[in-house]
N, C-alpha and C. Protein backbone atom coordinates (compact mmCIF):
# COMPACT_ATOMS: atom_id res chain seq x y z
N MET A 1 0.85 -1.20 0.00
CA MET A 1 0.00 0.00 0.00
C MET A 1 0.88 1.24 0.00
N ALA A 2 0.46 2.29 -0.70
CA ALA A 2 1.25 3.52 -0.78
C ALA A 2 1.35 4.18 0.57
N THR A 3 2.50 4.80 0.83
CA THR A 3 2.70 5.49 2.10
C THR A 3 1.87 6.76 2.15
N ALA A 4 1.42 7.10 3.39
CA ALA A 4 0.56 8.26 3.55
C ALA A 4 1.36 9.55 3.35
N ARG A 5 2.60 9.55 3.82
CA ARG A 5 3.45 10.74 3.68
C ARG A 5 4.73 10.33 2.96
N PRO A 6 5.06 10.98 1.87
CA PRO A 6 6.26 10.60 1.12
C PRO A 6 7.53 10.93 1.88
N THR A 7 8.59 10.25 1.53
CA THR A 7 9.88 10.50 2.15
C THR A 7 10.74 11.35 1.20
N PRO A 8 11.64 12.17 1.75
CA PRO A 8 12.47 13.04 0.88
C PRO A 8 13.36 12.26 -0.08
N THR A 9 13.75 11.04 0.30
CA THR A 9 14.69 10.26 -0.51
C THR A 9 14.20 10.09 -1.94
N TYR A 10 12.93 9.72 -2.10
CA TYR A 10 12.42 9.43 -3.43
C TYR A 10 12.03 10.71 -4.19
N THR A 11 11.85 11.78 -3.44
CA THR A 11 11.66 13.08 -4.08
C THR A 11 12.96 13.51 -4.75
N VAL A 12 14.07 13.36 -4.05
CA VAL A 12 15.38 13.67 -4.61
C VAL A 12 15.70 12.71 -5.76
N LEU A 13 15.38 11.43 -5.56
CA LEU A 13 15.65 10.43 -6.59
C LEU A 13 14.96 10.78 -7.91
N TYR A 14 13.76 11.29 -7.84
CA TYR A 14 13.04 11.68 -9.06
C TYR A 14 13.85 12.73 -9.83
N PHE A 15 14.36 13.73 -9.13
CA PHE A 15 15.11 14.80 -9.79
C PHE A 15 16.46 14.31 -10.33
N VAL A 16 16.95 13.19 -9.81
CA VAL A 16 18.17 12.58 -10.34
C VAL A 16 17.86 11.73 -11.57
N LEU A 17 16.77 10.99 -11.50
CA LEU A 17 16.42 10.07 -12.58
C LEU A 17 16.08 10.78 -13.88
N VAL A 18 15.37 11.89 -13.80
CA VAL A 18 14.93 12.58 -15.03
C VAL A 18 16.11 12.94 -15.93
N PRO A 19 17.13 13.67 -15.46
CA PRO A 19 18.27 13.95 -16.34
C PRO A 19 19.08 12.71 -16.68
N PHE A 20 19.13 11.75 -15.76
CA PHE A 20 19.87 10.51 -16.02
C PHE A 20 19.26 9.76 -17.21
N LEU A 21 17.93 9.69 -17.26
CA LEU A 21 17.26 9.01 -18.37
C LEU A 21 17.32 9.82 -19.66
N THR A 22 17.44 11.14 -19.52
CA THR A 22 17.48 12.01 -20.69
C THR A 22 18.86 12.07 -21.33
N ALA A 23 19.89 11.89 -20.53
CA ALA A 23 21.28 12.04 -20.99
C ALA A 23 21.61 11.23 -22.25
N PRO A 24 21.20 9.96 -22.37
CA PRO A 24 21.52 9.22 -23.60
C PRO A 24 20.95 9.89 -24.86
N LEU A 25 19.78 10.50 -24.74
CA LEU A 25 19.19 11.18 -25.90
C LEU A 25 19.94 12.47 -26.22
N TRP A 26 20.36 13.19 -25.20
CA TRP A 26 21.18 14.39 -25.42
C TRP A 26 22.46 14.02 -26.17
N ILE A 27 23.11 12.94 -25.71
CA ILE A 27 24.38 12.51 -26.32
C ILE A 27 24.15 12.04 -27.75
N ALA A 28 23.10 11.23 -27.95
CA ALA A 28 22.80 10.71 -29.29
C ALA A 28 22.54 11.84 -30.28
N ASP A 29 21.84 12.86 -29.81
CA ASP A 29 21.50 13.96 -30.71
C ASP A 29 22.73 14.76 -31.14
N GLN A 30 23.75 14.77 -30.29
CA GLN A 30 24.98 15.48 -30.65
C GLN A 30 25.64 14.87 -31.88
N TYR A 31 25.42 13.56 -32.08
CA TYR A 31 26.05 12.86 -33.19
C TYR A 31 25.11 12.66 -34.38
N LEU A 32 23.82 12.46 -34.10
CA LEU A 32 22.88 12.14 -35.17
C LEU A 32 22.25 13.38 -35.79
N HIS A 33 22.05 14.43 -34.98
CA HIS A 33 21.44 15.68 -35.46
C HIS A 33 20.13 15.39 -36.21
N TYR A 34 19.29 14.59 -35.57
CA TYR A 34 18.05 14.14 -36.22
C TYR A 34 16.84 14.88 -35.66
N GLU A 35 15.97 15.36 -36.53
CA GLU A 35 14.70 15.97 -36.13
C GLU A 35 13.57 15.10 -36.65
N PHE A 36 12.77 14.54 -35.73
CA PHE A 36 11.65 13.70 -36.19
C PHE A 36 10.42 14.53 -36.53
N LEU A 37 10.42 15.78 -36.09
CA LEU A 37 9.43 16.78 -36.51
C LEU A 37 10.15 18.12 -36.57
N PRO A 38 9.62 19.10 -37.31
CA PRO A 38 10.30 20.40 -37.38
C PRO A 38 10.55 21.01 -36.00
N HIS A 39 11.79 21.35 -35.75
CA HIS A 39 12.21 22.00 -34.51
C HIS A 39 12.10 21.08 -33.29
N LEU A 40 12.00 19.79 -33.52
CA LEU A 40 11.96 18.83 -32.42
C LEU A 40 13.11 17.85 -32.59
N PRO A 41 14.23 18.07 -31.87
CA PRO A 41 15.38 17.17 -31.99
C PRO A 41 15.10 15.82 -31.34
N LEU A 42 16.02 14.91 -31.55
CA LEU A 42 15.89 13.56 -30.99
C LEU A 42 15.70 13.60 -29.48
N SER A 43 16.34 14.54 -28.82
CA SER A 43 16.25 14.63 -27.36
C SER A 43 14.86 14.98 -26.87
N ALA A 44 13.97 15.43 -27.79
CA ALA A 44 12.59 15.70 -27.39
C ALA A 44 11.86 14.43 -26.97
N LEU A 45 12.39 13.28 -27.37
CA LEU A 45 11.80 12.00 -26.94
C LEU A 45 11.93 11.79 -25.44
N ALA A 46 12.69 12.66 -24.79
CA ALA A 46 12.85 12.57 -23.33
C ALA A 46 11.56 12.87 -22.58
N VAL A 47 10.48 13.17 -23.29
CA VAL A 47 9.19 13.39 -22.61
C VAL A 47 8.77 12.16 -21.81
N VAL A 48 9.35 11.00 -22.14
CA VAL A 48 9.00 9.78 -21.38
C VAL A 48 9.71 9.75 -20.02
N ALA A 49 10.77 10.55 -19.87
CA ALA A 49 11.58 10.48 -18.64
C ALA A 49 10.80 10.82 -17.38
N PRO A 50 9.95 11.88 -17.36
CA PRO A 50 9.19 12.16 -16.14
C PRO A 50 8.26 11.02 -15.72
N THR A 51 7.61 10.38 -16.69
CA THR A 51 6.71 9.27 -16.36
C THR A 51 7.48 8.08 -15.83
N ILE A 52 8.56 7.71 -16.53
CA ILE A 52 9.37 6.56 -16.09
C ILE A 52 9.93 6.83 -14.69
N SER A 53 10.38 8.05 -14.45
CA SER A 53 10.95 8.39 -13.14
C SER A 53 9.88 8.32 -12.05
N ALA A 54 8.68 8.83 -12.36
CA ALA A 54 7.60 8.83 -11.37
C ALA A 54 7.18 7.40 -11.02
N VAL A 55 7.01 6.57 -12.02
CA VAL A 55 6.60 5.18 -11.78
C VAL A 55 7.70 4.43 -11.03
N THR A 56 8.96 4.64 -11.41
CA THR A 56 10.08 3.97 -10.74
C THR A 56 10.14 4.35 -9.27
N CYS A 57 10.02 5.63 -8.98
CA CYS A 57 10.07 6.09 -7.59
C CYS A 57 8.89 5.57 -6.77
N ALA A 58 7.71 5.57 -7.38
CA ALA A 58 6.52 5.09 -6.68
C ALA A 58 6.65 3.62 -6.33
N VAL A 59 7.15 2.83 -7.27
CA VAL A 59 7.33 1.39 -7.03
C VAL A 59 8.43 1.16 -6.00
N ALA A 60 9.55 1.88 -6.14
CA ALA A 60 10.68 1.69 -5.22
C ALA A 60 10.31 2.05 -3.79
N GLU A 61 9.50 3.08 -3.63
CA GLU A 61 9.13 3.53 -2.29
C GLU A 61 8.08 2.64 -1.65
N SER A 62 7.20 2.10 -2.48
CA SER A 62 6.07 1.37 -1.90
C SER A 62 5.97 -0.03 -2.48
N THR A 63 5.05 -0.24 -3.41
CA THR A 63 4.83 -1.57 -3.98
C THR A 63 4.53 -1.42 -5.46
N TRP A 64 4.35 -2.55 -6.14
CA TRP A 64 4.04 -2.53 -7.56
C TRP A 64 2.67 -1.91 -7.84
N THR A 65 1.82 -1.84 -6.83
CA THR A 65 0.50 -1.21 -7.01
C THR A 65 0.54 0.29 -6.78
N ALA A 66 1.69 0.80 -6.34
CA ALA A 66 1.78 2.23 -6.01
C ALA A 66 1.43 3.15 -7.17
N PRO A 67 1.92 2.90 -8.40
CA PRO A 67 1.54 3.80 -9.49
C PRO A 67 0.03 3.90 -9.68
N ARG A 68 -0.66 2.78 -9.51
CA ARG A 68 -2.13 2.81 -9.66
C ARG A 68 -2.76 3.60 -8.53
N LEU A 69 -2.24 3.44 -7.32
CA LEU A 69 -2.82 4.12 -6.16
C LEU A 69 -2.46 5.60 -6.11
N ILE A 70 -1.25 5.93 -6.56
CA ILE A 70 -0.76 7.30 -6.44
C ILE A 70 -1.13 8.14 -7.66
N LEU A 71 -0.96 7.57 -8.86
CA LEU A 71 -1.07 8.37 -10.08
C LEU A 71 -2.44 8.33 -10.74
N LEU A 72 -3.07 7.17 -10.81
CA LEU A 72 -4.33 7.06 -11.54
C LEU A 72 -5.43 7.97 -10.99
N PRO A 73 -5.56 8.13 -9.66
CA PRO A 73 -6.61 9.04 -9.16
C PRO A 73 -6.46 10.48 -9.67
N LYS A 74 -5.25 10.86 -10.11
CA LYS A 74 -5.02 12.22 -10.60
C LYS A 74 -5.55 12.42 -12.03
N PHE A 75 -6.06 11.34 -12.63
CA PHE A 75 -6.55 11.43 -14.01
C PHE A 75 -8.06 11.23 -14.08
N THR A 76 -8.72 11.72 -13.06
CA THR A 76 -10.17 11.72 -13.02
C THR A 76 -10.65 13.14 -12.70
N LEU A 77 -11.91 13.41 -13.01
CA LEU A 77 -12.51 14.70 -12.69
C LEU A 77 -13.68 14.48 -11.74
N LYS A 78 -13.67 15.22 -10.64
CA LYS A 78 -14.79 15.12 -9.70
C LYS A 78 -16.03 15.78 -10.30
N ARG A 79 -17.18 15.26 -9.98
CA ARG A 79 -18.44 15.80 -10.52
C ARG A 79 -18.81 17.08 -9.79
N ASP A 80 -18.18 18.15 -10.21
CA ASP A 80 -18.36 19.44 -9.59
C ASP A 80 -18.37 20.50 -10.69
N ALA A 81 -19.33 21.42 -10.64
CA ALA A 81 -19.46 22.42 -11.70
C ALA A 81 -18.21 23.27 -11.82
N TRP A 82 -17.60 23.62 -10.68
CA TRP A 82 -16.38 24.43 -10.69
C TRP A 82 -15.24 23.69 -11.38
N VAL A 83 -15.12 22.40 -11.13
CA VAL A 83 -14.08 21.58 -11.74
C VAL A 83 -14.27 21.53 -13.25
N PHE A 84 -15.50 21.31 -13.69
CA PHE A 84 -15.77 21.22 -15.13
C PHE A 84 -15.57 22.59 -15.81
N PHE A 85 -15.86 23.66 -15.09
CA PHE A 85 -15.62 24.99 -15.64
C PHE A 85 -14.15 25.19 -15.93
N TRP A 86 -13.28 24.85 -14.98
CA TRP A 86 -11.85 25.04 -15.16
C TRP A 86 -11.28 24.08 -16.20
N MET A 87 -11.88 22.92 -16.31
CA MET A 87 -11.46 22.00 -17.37
C MET A 87 -11.75 22.62 -18.73
N GLY A 88 -12.91 23.28 -18.84
CA GLY A 88 -13.25 23.96 -20.08
C GLY A 88 -12.29 25.10 -20.38
N VAL A 89 -11.93 25.86 -19.35
CA VAL A 89 -10.97 26.95 -19.51
C VAL A 89 -9.64 26.42 -20.02
N SER A 90 -9.21 25.29 -19.47
CA SER A 90 -7.92 24.72 -19.88
C SER A 90 -7.92 24.27 -21.33
N VAL A 91 -9.09 23.87 -21.84
CA VAL A 91 -9.19 23.42 -23.23
C VAL A 91 -9.04 24.59 -24.20
N ILE A 92 -9.63 25.75 -23.85
CA ILE A 92 -9.64 26.87 -24.79
C ILE A 92 -8.49 27.86 -24.55
N PHE A 93 -7.77 27.74 -23.44
CA PHE A 93 -6.76 28.73 -23.07
C PHE A 93 -5.64 28.83 -24.11
N ILE A 94 -5.03 27.71 -24.45
CA ILE A 94 -3.89 27.74 -25.38
C ILE A 94 -4.31 28.15 -26.79
N PRO A 95 -5.44 27.64 -27.35
CA PRO A 95 -5.85 28.12 -28.69
C PRO A 95 -6.08 29.64 -28.73
N ILE A 96 -6.70 30.18 -27.68
CA ILE A 96 -6.93 31.63 -27.64
C ILE A 96 -5.61 32.38 -27.53
N LEU A 97 -4.70 31.87 -26.70
CA LEU A 97 -3.39 32.50 -26.54
C LEU A 97 -2.61 32.47 -27.86
N ALA A 98 -2.67 31.34 -28.57
CA ALA A 98 -1.98 31.22 -29.86
C ALA A 98 -2.55 32.21 -30.88
N LEU A 99 -3.88 32.35 -30.88
CA LEU A 99 -4.52 33.28 -31.81
C LEU A 99 -4.14 34.73 -31.49
N LEU A 100 -4.11 35.08 -30.20
CA LEU A 100 -3.73 36.43 -29.80
C LEU A 100 -2.28 36.74 -30.17
N CYS A 101 -1.41 35.74 -30.00
CA CYS A 101 0.00 35.93 -30.38
C CYS A 101 0.12 36.15 -31.88
N TYR A 102 -0.67 35.40 -32.64
CA TYR A 102 -0.65 35.55 -34.10
C TYR A 102 -1.14 36.94 -34.51
N LEU A 103 -2.23 37.39 -33.91
CA LEU A 103 -2.76 38.72 -34.23
C LEU A 103 -1.77 39.82 -33.86
N PHE A 104 -1.06 39.64 -32.75
CA PHE A 104 -0.05 40.60 -32.34
C PHE A 104 1.08 40.65 -33.37
N GLN A 105 1.51 39.47 -33.82
CA GLN A 105 2.59 39.42 -34.81
C GLN A 105 2.19 40.08 -36.12
N VAL A 106 0.93 39.87 -36.52
CA VAL A 106 0.47 40.41 -37.81
C VAL A 106 0.23 41.91 -37.72
N HIS A 107 -0.52 42.35 -36.71
CA HIS A 107 -0.96 43.75 -36.65
C HIS A 107 0.02 44.68 -35.96
N VAL A 108 0.90 44.15 -35.13
CA VAL A 108 1.87 45.00 -34.43
C VAL A 108 3.27 44.85 -35.03
N LEU A 109 3.68 43.61 -35.27
CA LEU A 109 5.03 43.37 -35.78
C LEU A 109 5.09 43.30 -37.30
N GLY A 110 3.92 43.18 -37.94
CA GLY A 110 3.88 43.15 -39.39
C GLY A 110 4.28 41.83 -40.01
N ALA A 111 4.18 40.73 -39.28
CA ALA A 111 4.54 39.42 -39.81
C ALA A 111 3.56 39.01 -40.90
N THR A 112 4.07 38.27 -41.88
CA THR A 112 3.22 37.81 -42.99
C THR A 112 3.17 36.29 -43.10
N ASP A 113 3.96 35.59 -42.29
CA ASP A 113 3.98 34.13 -42.36
C ASP A 113 2.68 33.54 -41.84
N GLU A 114 2.25 32.45 -42.48
CA GLU A 114 1.04 31.75 -42.02
C GLU A 114 1.37 31.01 -40.73
N PRO A 115 0.55 31.13 -39.69
CA PRO A 115 0.85 30.44 -38.42
C PRO A 115 0.76 28.93 -38.59
N TRP A 116 1.52 28.22 -37.76
CA TRP A 116 1.57 26.77 -37.89
C TRP A 116 0.22 26.11 -37.69
N PHE A 117 -0.67 26.75 -36.85
CA PHE A 117 -1.95 26.09 -36.55
C PHE A 117 -2.95 26.21 -37.70
N PHE A 118 -2.57 26.93 -38.76
CA PHE A 118 -3.42 26.96 -39.96
C PHE A 118 -2.95 25.95 -41.00
N ALA A 119 -1.82 25.32 -40.78
CA ALA A 119 -1.23 24.43 -41.76
C ALA A 119 -1.67 22.99 -41.51
N PHE A 120 -2.70 22.55 -42.18
CA PHE A 120 -3.16 21.17 -42.07
C PHE A 120 -2.48 20.33 -43.14
N PRO A 121 -2.14 19.03 -42.90
CA PRO A 121 -2.42 18.29 -41.67
C PRO A 121 -1.32 18.41 -40.62
N ASP A 122 -0.27 19.21 -40.91
CA ASP A 122 0.85 19.32 -39.96
C ASP A 122 0.39 19.75 -38.58
N SER A 123 -0.57 20.67 -38.53
CA SER A 123 -1.03 21.16 -37.23
C SER A 123 -1.71 20.06 -36.44
N LEU A 124 -2.41 19.16 -37.13
CA LEU A 124 -3.08 18.05 -36.44
C LEU A 124 -2.05 17.09 -35.87
N VAL A 125 -1.00 16.82 -36.64
CA VAL A 125 0.08 15.96 -36.16
C VAL A 125 0.73 16.57 -34.93
N MET A 126 1.03 17.87 -34.98
CA MET A 126 1.66 18.55 -33.86
C MET A 126 0.75 18.54 -32.63
N LEU A 127 -0.55 18.70 -32.85
CA LEU A 127 -1.51 18.67 -31.74
C LEU A 127 -1.47 17.33 -31.03
N VAL A 128 -1.47 16.25 -31.79
CA VAL A 128 -1.43 14.90 -31.21
C VAL A 128 -0.11 14.69 -30.47
N VAL A 129 0.99 15.10 -31.10
CA VAL A 129 2.31 14.92 -30.50
C VAL A 129 2.41 15.66 -29.17
N PHE A 130 1.98 16.91 -29.15
CA PHE A 130 2.09 17.69 -27.93
C PHE A 130 1.11 17.23 -26.85
N PHE A 131 -0.04 16.68 -27.26
CA PHE A 131 -0.97 16.15 -26.26
C PHE A 131 -0.38 14.91 -25.58
N VAL A 132 0.20 14.02 -26.38
CA VAL A 132 0.85 12.84 -25.82
C VAL A 132 2.01 13.26 -24.93
N ALA A 133 2.79 14.24 -25.40
CA ALA A 133 3.90 14.75 -24.60
C ALA A 133 3.40 15.33 -23.27
N GLY A 134 2.26 16.02 -23.34
CA GLY A 134 1.67 16.58 -22.12
C GLY A 134 1.32 15.51 -21.11
N ILE A 135 0.76 14.41 -21.59
CA ILE A 135 0.42 13.29 -20.69
C ILE A 135 1.68 12.76 -20.03
N LEU A 136 2.70 12.46 -20.86
CA LEU A 136 3.92 11.84 -20.34
C LEU A 136 4.68 12.76 -19.39
N GLU A 137 4.66 14.06 -19.66
CA GLU A 137 5.38 14.98 -18.77
C GLU A 137 4.61 15.25 -17.49
N GLU A 138 3.31 15.49 -17.60
CA GLU A 138 2.54 15.89 -16.42
C GLU A 138 2.28 14.75 -15.45
N ILE A 139 2.40 13.51 -15.91
CA ILE A 139 2.38 12.40 -14.96
C ILE A 139 3.51 12.58 -13.95
N GLY A 140 4.66 13.02 -14.45
CA GLY A 140 5.79 13.22 -13.56
C GLY A 140 5.78 14.55 -12.86
N TRP A 141 5.65 15.66 -13.63
CA TRP A 141 5.79 16.99 -13.04
C TRP A 141 4.65 17.38 -12.11
N THR A 142 3.41 17.07 -12.50
CA THR A 142 2.26 17.50 -11.69
C THR A 142 1.73 16.40 -10.79
N ALA A 143 1.36 15.27 -11.40
CA ALA A 143 0.70 14.21 -10.63
C ALA A 143 1.63 13.59 -9.59
N TYR A 144 2.93 13.60 -9.86
CA TYR A 144 3.85 12.95 -8.91
C TYR A 144 4.69 13.95 -8.11
N ILE A 145 5.63 14.62 -8.78
CA ILE A 145 6.63 15.36 -7.99
C ILE A 145 6.08 16.63 -7.36
N PHE A 146 5.21 17.37 -8.06
CA PHE A 146 4.64 18.56 -7.41
C PHE A 146 3.82 18.14 -6.19
N ASP A 147 3.03 17.10 -6.35
CA ASP A 147 2.20 16.62 -5.25
C ASP A 147 3.06 16.22 -4.05
N ARG A 148 4.20 15.60 -4.30
CA ARG A 148 5.09 15.19 -3.21
C ARG A 148 5.71 16.40 -2.53
N LEU A 149 6.15 17.36 -3.32
CA LEU A 149 6.83 18.54 -2.76
C LEU A 149 5.92 19.32 -1.82
N THR A 150 4.61 19.32 -2.08
CA THR A 150 3.69 20.07 -1.23
C THR A 150 3.60 19.48 0.19
N HIS A 151 4.15 18.29 0.39
CA HIS A 151 4.22 17.73 1.74
C HIS A 151 5.34 18.38 2.54
N PHE A 152 6.27 19.04 1.85
CA PHE A 152 7.44 19.60 2.52
C PHE A 152 7.51 21.12 2.47
N VAL A 153 6.94 21.72 1.42
CA VAL A 153 7.01 23.18 1.25
C VAL A 153 5.66 23.68 0.77
N PRO A 154 5.35 24.98 0.93
CA PRO A 154 4.09 25.55 0.42
C PRO A 154 4.02 25.39 -1.10
N PHE A 155 2.79 25.35 -1.63
CA PHE A 155 2.64 25.07 -3.05
C PHE A 155 3.32 26.09 -3.97
N PRO A 156 3.40 27.41 -3.61
CA PRO A 156 4.13 28.32 -4.51
C PRO A 156 5.61 27.96 -4.63
N VAL A 157 6.19 27.52 -3.51
CA VAL A 157 7.60 27.12 -3.53
C VAL A 157 7.76 25.83 -4.32
N ALA A 158 6.84 24.90 -4.11
CA ALA A 158 6.88 23.63 -4.86
C ALA A 158 6.78 23.90 -6.35
N SER A 159 5.90 24.81 -6.73
CA SER A 159 5.73 25.17 -8.14
C SER A 159 7.01 25.79 -8.69
N LEU A 160 7.67 26.65 -7.90
CA LEU A 160 8.91 27.29 -8.34
C LEU A 160 10.01 26.26 -8.54
N ILE A 161 10.12 25.31 -7.62
CA ILE A 161 11.14 24.27 -7.72
C ILE A 161 10.93 23.44 -9.00
N VAL A 162 9.69 23.00 -9.21
CA VAL A 162 9.40 22.21 -10.40
C VAL A 162 9.61 23.04 -11.66
N GLY A 163 9.17 24.30 -11.63
CA GLY A 163 9.31 25.16 -12.79
C GLY A 163 10.76 25.40 -13.19
N ILE A 164 11.62 25.66 -12.20
CA ILE A 164 13.04 25.89 -12.50
C ILE A 164 13.68 24.62 -13.06
N PHE A 165 13.40 23.50 -12.42
CA PHE A 165 13.97 22.24 -12.90
C PHE A 165 13.47 21.91 -14.30
N TRP A 166 12.18 22.13 -14.53
CA TRP A 166 11.56 21.88 -15.83
C TRP A 166 12.21 22.73 -16.91
N ALA A 167 12.46 24.00 -16.60
CA ALA A 167 13.09 24.91 -17.56
C ALA A 167 14.52 24.49 -17.86
N VAL A 168 15.30 24.22 -16.82
CA VAL A 168 16.71 23.84 -17.00
C VAL A 168 16.81 22.54 -17.78
N TRP A 169 15.90 21.62 -17.51
CA TRP A 169 15.89 20.31 -18.20
C TRP A 169 15.72 20.48 -19.70
N HIS A 170 15.04 21.55 -20.13
CA HIS A 170 14.79 21.77 -21.55
C HIS A 170 15.96 22.47 -22.28
N ILE A 171 16.88 23.06 -21.54
CA ILE A 171 17.87 23.94 -22.17
C ILE A 171 18.70 23.22 -23.23
N ILE A 172 19.20 22.03 -22.93
CA ILE A 172 20.03 21.31 -23.89
C ILE A 172 19.24 20.99 -25.16
N SER A 173 17.98 20.59 -25.00
CA SER A 173 17.14 20.32 -26.18
C SER A 173 16.91 21.58 -27.00
N PHE A 174 16.74 22.72 -26.32
CA PHE A 174 16.58 23.99 -27.03
C PHE A 174 17.84 24.30 -27.86
N LEU A 175 19.00 24.10 -27.26
CA LEU A 175 20.25 24.35 -27.96
C LEU A 175 20.40 23.41 -29.16
N GLN A 176 20.01 22.16 -28.97
CA GLN A 176 20.11 21.19 -30.07
C GLN A 176 19.12 21.48 -31.18
N ALA A 177 18.06 22.21 -30.84
CA ALA A 177 17.09 22.63 -31.86
C ALA A 177 17.54 23.89 -32.58
N GLY A 178 18.66 24.48 -32.13
CA GLY A 178 19.21 25.66 -32.80
C GLY A 178 18.71 26.99 -32.28
N ASP A 179 18.10 26.99 -31.10
CA ASP A 179 17.58 28.25 -30.54
C ASP A 179 18.71 29.10 -29.96
N SER A 180 18.52 30.41 -29.99
CA SER A 180 19.51 31.33 -29.45
C SER A 180 19.40 31.41 -27.93
N TRP A 181 20.48 31.89 -27.29
CA TRP A 181 20.46 32.01 -25.83
C TRP A 181 19.43 33.04 -25.36
N ILE A 182 19.23 34.09 -26.13
CA ILE A 182 18.21 35.08 -25.77
C ILE A 182 16.83 34.44 -25.78
N TRP A 183 16.54 33.69 -26.85
CA TRP A 183 15.24 33.00 -26.94
C TRP A 183 15.09 32.02 -25.79
N ILE A 184 16.15 31.27 -25.49
CA ILE A 184 16.11 30.28 -24.40
C ILE A 184 15.85 30.95 -23.06
N MET A 185 16.49 32.10 -22.84
CA MET A 185 16.29 32.82 -21.57
C MET A 185 14.82 33.19 -21.38
N TRP A 186 14.20 33.78 -22.41
CA TRP A 186 12.80 34.16 -22.29
C TRP A 186 11.89 32.94 -22.24
N GLN A 187 12.26 31.88 -22.92
CA GLN A 187 11.47 30.65 -22.86
C GLN A 187 11.51 30.05 -21.46
N CYS A 188 12.65 30.15 -20.80
CA CYS A 188 12.76 29.66 -19.42
C CYS A 188 11.90 30.49 -18.47
N VAL A 189 11.89 31.80 -18.68
CA VAL A 189 11.02 32.66 -17.86
C VAL A 189 9.56 32.26 -18.06
N TRP A 190 9.17 32.03 -19.32
CA TRP A 190 7.81 31.60 -19.60
C TRP A 190 7.53 30.23 -18.98
N THR A 191 8.48 29.31 -19.09
CA THR A 191 8.30 27.95 -18.57
C THR A 191 8.07 27.96 -17.06
N ILE A 192 8.88 28.73 -16.35
CA ILE A 192 8.73 28.81 -14.89
C ILE A 192 7.40 29.46 -14.52
N SER A 193 7.04 30.53 -15.23
CA SER A 193 5.77 31.22 -14.96
C SER A 193 4.58 30.33 -15.29
N PHE A 194 4.67 29.64 -16.41
CA PHE A 194 3.57 28.79 -16.86
C PHE A 194 3.34 27.62 -15.93
N ARG A 195 4.40 27.20 -15.24
CA ARG A 195 4.23 26.11 -14.27
C ARG A 195 3.22 26.50 -13.20
N TYR A 196 3.19 27.80 -12.83
CA TYR A 196 2.20 28.25 -11.84
C TYR A 196 0.78 28.10 -12.39
N VAL A 197 0.60 28.36 -13.68
CA VAL A 197 -0.72 28.17 -14.30
C VAL A 197 -1.12 26.70 -14.24
N LEU A 198 -0.19 25.81 -14.55
CA LEU A 198 -0.47 24.37 -14.52
C LEU A 198 -0.79 23.91 -13.10
N VAL A 199 -0.04 24.44 -12.15
CA VAL A 199 -0.27 24.07 -10.75
C VAL A 199 -1.64 24.56 -10.27
N LEU A 200 -1.98 25.79 -10.61
CA LEU A 200 -3.29 26.31 -10.19
C LEU A 200 -4.43 25.52 -10.84
N SER A 201 -4.25 25.11 -12.10
CA SER A 201 -5.29 24.30 -12.75
C SER A 201 -5.44 22.96 -12.04
N TYR A 202 -4.34 22.45 -11.52
CA TYR A 202 -4.36 21.19 -10.77
C TYR A 202 -5.07 21.36 -9.43
N LEU A 203 -4.79 22.46 -8.75
CA LEU A 203 -5.36 22.68 -7.43
C LEU A 203 -6.84 23.03 -7.48
N VAL A 204 -7.24 23.90 -8.42
CA VAL A 204 -8.64 24.33 -8.46
C VAL A 204 -9.56 23.22 -8.96
N THR A 205 -9.01 22.21 -9.62
CA THR A 205 -9.83 21.06 -10.05
C THR A 205 -9.68 19.90 -9.07
N GLN A 206 -9.30 20.23 -7.85
CA GLN A 206 -9.22 19.26 -6.76
C GLN A 206 -8.27 18.11 -7.08
N ASN A 207 -7.06 18.50 -7.48
CA ASN A 207 -5.95 17.56 -7.73
C ASN A 207 -6.19 16.63 -8.91
N SER A 208 -6.70 17.20 -9.99
CA SER A 208 -6.80 16.45 -11.25
C SER A 208 -5.71 16.96 -12.18
N ALA A 209 -4.94 16.03 -12.76
CA ALA A 209 -3.88 16.42 -13.68
C ALA A 209 -4.38 16.66 -15.10
N LEU A 210 -5.64 16.37 -15.38
CA LEU A 210 -6.17 16.50 -16.73
C LEU A 210 -6.09 17.92 -17.29
N PRO A 211 -6.47 18.96 -16.51
CA PRO A 211 -6.32 20.33 -17.04
C PRO A 211 -4.87 20.68 -17.35
N ALA A 212 -3.93 20.25 -16.50
CA ALA A 212 -2.51 20.53 -16.74
C ALA A 212 -2.05 19.87 -18.03
N ILE A 213 -2.53 18.67 -18.29
CA ILE A 213 -2.19 17.97 -19.54
C ILE A 213 -2.74 18.73 -20.73
N THR A 214 -3.98 19.17 -20.64
CA THR A 214 -4.61 19.90 -21.74
C THR A 214 -3.88 21.21 -22.00
N LEU A 215 -3.52 21.92 -20.94
CA LEU A 215 -2.80 23.19 -21.09
C LEU A 215 -1.40 22.97 -21.65
N HIS A 216 -0.78 21.92 -21.23
CA HIS A 216 0.59 21.61 -21.67
C HIS A 216 0.65 21.46 -23.17
């Protein structure tokens, strides 16, 4: 049976496992320089690392049933109007944000390029890829490690810790995708800030990871 209160050992272990599992992909990409989708290097496959790390830690700390007891309840929605409202917000938030960014680029910056979300079927492929990536990442970042950290620190601090680690974890992949350091710096600021949005969506829906996955 899963432990009622997590121990710090497996919280630390999670943060060790994620880069450890990602490292082979970082190294492979240095030699292969392969992109399986535009602007997505081989190291982007590391989206599986948070899930593998979360399941490994849950099993190591407790039993083989721990992932089912600890993680699966985070993928349900309670029958509450407030919960369903926020789930709806999470569904439309990113499309509206993408549209606003596009309008800003066109009307303020004078951009003429067609946005990626108008390019079918590529946009559909990207949508599926990022949704699957959201599931695999948020199992680890939200459903597992953020939840554990809140046993030791207040949720804003837990969110900051996860956000900083999440941002730093992406830096090598950003470099391998050819992004500039200026772009990476602002992307890290966005990543850390956006983690608070994901955390709040998790908390206001009574600890459901589904809105965080949708937003991701």
